Amino acid sequence: MSVPRRAVATATPPKDSTNRTSEPAPSAASPRRRSRAPARRRGNTRFVLACLLPALVLFAIFMVVPTMNVFRMSFYTWSGFSPDKRFVGLDNFSRLLDDEQFVRAFQNTVALLVVVTVVTMGMGLFLAAIMTRQRLRARNLYRFVLYIPNVLSVVVIAAIFSAVYDQKNGLLNGTLRLLSLDGLQQVWLGNQKLVVYSVAIAMVWQSLGYYMVLYMASMSSIPEELYEASALDGASAARQFFAITLPLIWQNLRTTLTFFIMSAVNLSFVLVRAMTGGGPDGSSEVLLSYMYKQAYTNSSYGYGMAIGVVIFAFSFLVSLLVSRATRREPLQF
């Protein structure tokens, strides 16, 4: 029986057709695409650099150059106004060790950082946990009232607390008289032993609401199922806070802790300048206020810049220690 020619032709294609189908045709566009990819990357890099250039220039002009100038001027004796500058090397830094007022200002700064940081962070976490976990009727009102001091100017806060601490007509002494506690009345801003703690209370009042709101935002993102499961296991509210809430917001707490320590150094300067001016007898002086007094009041600009270098090194060291001490493995949910 003979097979039709059409079937043979379709069943056995010619060799030329098989070779054409087995070998892919070369793409003429692939070399062009390869050459365009590096060009696109270079274009994107140039665009990003062009966008960052204005910010980098401003940062260099207003941050890098002044900081380097502070380090440079700390090696000179200069009044700040005359053209005469005299290079003295490390003499300005050696004077700091024998300066009792500088030592007192350093001690006051450390005391304010420790007291204000512990109280503000502790109360912020406590109030945030209550606002988040407890069903309060006027929760938004409480949040608004506690957040108001952060909106006010620091000078306004200094004026408010100066009126509160007034010896005769102040709110604090007036309340003590109303409660028949006349023996507890004090000259709050005139007592060398109490003035630093009076400033610390103003710092806590100004900062508390801001960090409370930050912690509330972190706590509200924690799944409710974790608390329900722990409640079924018999965990109390305190146990839930230390076992669930605190570990899950640890990264936020760590970041805000470093930020608060840096901002507290500047905040203490403004409140001390506005409330006490460093008095009485330098008992409320802090590092920044003492640097300002030496550089711009006593015409010892070089010595003031040496204090500025110490403040820079102290702030950097404290940030490094806090970052190392609070480092831990982040938890996710």
Foldseek 3Di string as FASTA:
>chain_A
DDDDPVVVCVVDPDPVVVVPVVDDDDDPCVVVVVVVVVVVVVVVVVVVCVVCVVVVVVCCVPPVVVLVVLVVLLQWWFLQPDPDIHGNGCPLVVVLVVDPLNVLQAVLLVVLLVVLLVVQLVVLLVLLLCLQVPDDDPSVVVLVVLQVLQVDDLLVLLVLLLQQLDQPRHVVCVVCVVVVNNVPRDSQCADLVRNSVSLSVSVSSNRNSVSSVVLNVQQNPFDPVVVVVVVVVPDDSVRCCVPPSCQQCLVVSLVVSLVVSVVSLVSLLVSCCNNHLCDDVNSSRHLVSVLCCCVPPVSRVSSSSNSVVVVVVVSVVVSVVSCVVSDDDHDDD
